[in-house]
């Protein structure tokens, strides 16, 4: 039984994905993924790579995700699953690449600068 191990990142979220051939169960942090990602939008995000490649129910996936918010975690999981599918079967790469699931979204929160209220927002200017 071969375990495919990949990683997905988004903002400050890091998802480690362990995929094995199986019945299609997805476990996130030792919980059913529908319990972990309560929103249907996030559940769809996680399942997108399987839906694109028509491989729903072919793999058991165990995921350890940490950091960031729920949306960032869902997108990190999506990237990790897409990378695992390509590692398991290289023929799925063109379809996943076309949808943009293999591209790491590198956008991060801009840091706060000194002398400012936020990253770019200045304190209110008073002329008098």
Protein backbone atom coordinates (compact mmCIF):
# COMPACT_ATOMS: atom_id res chain seq x y z
CA UNK A 1 0.00 0.00 0.00
CA UNK A 2 1.67 3.16 -1.23
CA UNK A 3 1.19 6.41 0.67
CA UNK A 4 1.54 9.63 -1.33
CA UNK A 5 2.76 12.50 0.86
CA UNK A 6 2.45 16.12 -0.34
CA UNK A 7 2.17 19.59 1.14
CA UNK A 8 -0.06 22.55 0.29
CA UNK A 9 0.24 26.14 1.50
CA UNK A 10 -1.95 29.25 1.36
CA UNK A 11 -1.34 32.45 3.35
CA UNK A 12 -0.21 31.10 6.74
CA UNK A 13 -1.95 27.72 6.42
CA UNK A 14 0.03 24.54 5.88
CA UNK A 15 -1.68 21.27 4.91
CA UNK A 16 0.15 17.93 4.90
CA UNK A 17 -1.74 15.43 2.75
CA UNK A 18 -1.34 11.64 2.99
CA UNK A 19 -3.21 9.83 0.19
CA UNK A 20 -3.68 6.08 -0.26
CA UNK A 21 -5.89 4.08 -2.65
CA UNK A 22 -9.19 3.37 -0.90
CA UNK A 23 -12.90 4.10 -0.61
CA UNK A 24 -12.88 7.91 -0.67
CA UNK A 25 -12.82 8.93 2.98
CA UNK A 26 -11.32 12.32 3.76
CA UNK A 27 -10.12 12.98 7.32
CA UNK A 28 -8.88 16.42 8.42
CA UNK A 29 -7.12 16.65 11.80
CA UNK A 30 -8.68 13.32 12.90
CA UNK A 31 -12.21 14.58 12.05
CA UNK A 32 -14.48 13.90 9.10
CA UNK A 33 -13.85 16.70 6.59
CA UNK A 34 -17.53 17.71 6.57
CA UNK A 35 -17.32 18.25 10.33
CA UNK A 36 -14.08 20.24 10.01
CA UNK A 37 -15.16 22.38 7.03
CA UNK A 38 -18.76 23.19 7.94
CA UNK A 39 -19.38 25.56 5.01
CA UNK A 40 -20.46 23.90 1.78
CA UNK A 41 -18.21 26.27 -0.20
CA UNK A 42 -15.13 24.99 1.67
CA UNK A 43 -16.23 21.38 1.15
CA UNK A 44 -16.53 22.02 -2.60
CA UNK A 45 -13.04 23.59 -2.59
CA UNK A 46 -11.57 20.46 -0.99
CA UNK A 47 -13.30 18.13 -3.47
CA UNK A 48 -12.52 20.13 -6.64
CA UNK A 49 -9.36 18.21 -7.65
CA UNK A 50 -11.22 14.89 -7.40
CA UNK A 51 -14.19 16.26 -9.37
CA UNK A 52 -12.00 17.61 -12.18
CA UNK A 53 -10.14 14.31 -12.59
CA UNK A 54 -13.25 12.10 -12.04
CA UNK A 55 -11.52 10.25 -9.19
CA UNK A 56 -14.03 10.79 -6.39
CA UNK A 57 -14.11 7.74 -4.14
CA UNK A 58 -10.82 6.28 -5.37
CA UNK A 59 -8.51 7.53 -2.61
CA UNK A 60 -8.50 7.73 1.19
CA UNK A 61 -7.02 11.05 2.27
CA UNK A 62 -5.66 11.96 5.70
CA UNK A 63 -4.82 15.63 6.18
CA UNK A 64 -3.04 17.53 8.94
CA UNK A 65 -3.68 21.26 8.57
CA UNK A 66 -2.60 24.13 10.79
CA UNK A 67 -2.39 27.92 10.81
CA UNK A 68 -4.48 30.59 9.16
CA UNK A 69 -8.22 30.72 8.77
CA UNK A 70 -10.78 28.28 7.43
CA UNK A 71 -10.66 29.55 3.82
CA UNK A 72 -6.86 29.51 3.71
CA UNK A 73 -6.83 26.00 5.16
CA UNK A 74 -9.36 24.78 2.57
CA UNK A 75 -7.27 26.21 -0.28
CA UNK A 76 -4.08 24.72 1.19
CA UNK A 77 -5.80 21.31 1.34
CA UNK A 78 -6.92 21.71 -2.29
CA UNK A 79 -3.34 22.37 -3.41
CA UNK A 80 -2.05 19.40 -1.41
CA UNK A 81 -4.67 17.04 -2.85
CA UNK A 82 -3.98 18.25 -6.41
CA UNK A 83 -0.25 17.65 -5.96
CA UNK A 84 -0.93 14.18 -4.54
CA UNK A 85 -3.15 13.29 -7.51
CA UNK A 86 -0.39 14.31 -9.94
CA UNK A 87 2.14 12.26 -7.97
CA UNK A 88 -0.18 9.24 -8.07
CA UNK A 89 -1.07 9.62 -11.77
CA UNK A 90 0.85 12.02 -14.04
CA UNK A 91 -1.96 11.98 -16.64
CA UNK A 92 -4.09 14.20 -14.37
CA UNK A 93 -1.57 17.07 -14.48
CA UNK A 94 -2.88 18.93 -17.60
CA UNK A 95 -6.47 19.05 -16.31
CA UNK A 96 -5.42 20.25 -12.84
CA UNK A 97 -2.93 22.78 -14.24
CA UNK A 98 -5.59 24.21 -16.58
CA UNK A 99 -7.86 24.88 -13.59
CA UNK A 100 -4.97 26.46 -11.66
CA UNK A 101 -4.96 23.93 -8.82
CA UNK A 102 -1.21 23.29 -9.06
CA UNK A 103 -0.24 26.95 -8.68
CA UNK A 104 0.77 28.07 -5.19
CA UNK A 105 -1.02 31.34 -4.37
CA UNK A 106 1.83 33.31 -2.81
CA UNK A 107 -0.18 36.34 -1.66
CA UNK A 108 0.41 37.08 2.00
CA UNK A 109 -0.75 39.76 4.42
CA UNK A 110 1.42 42.86 4.21
CA UNK A 111 3.21 43.59 7.45
CA UNK A 112 2.39 46.60 9.62
CA UNK A 113 4.91 49.43 9.33
CA UNK A 114 6.05 51.60 12.22
CA UNK A 115 4.53 55.08 12.37
CA UNK A 116 1.37 53.78 10.69
CA UNK A 117 -1.89 52.43 12.06
CA UNK A 118 -1.91 49.39 9.73
CA UNK A 119 0.23 48.34 6.76
CA UNK A 120 -0.65 51.44 4.72
CA UNK A 121 -3.25 53.33 6.75
CA UNK A 122 -1.85 56.46 8.34
CA UNK A 123 -2.98 58.11 11.52
CA UNK A 124 -5.50 60.91 10.98
CA UNK A 125 -3.85 64.19 10.00
CA UNK A 126 -4.96 67.30 11.86
CA UNK A 127 -4.06 70.63 10.31
CA UNK A 128 -4.95 72.65 13.40
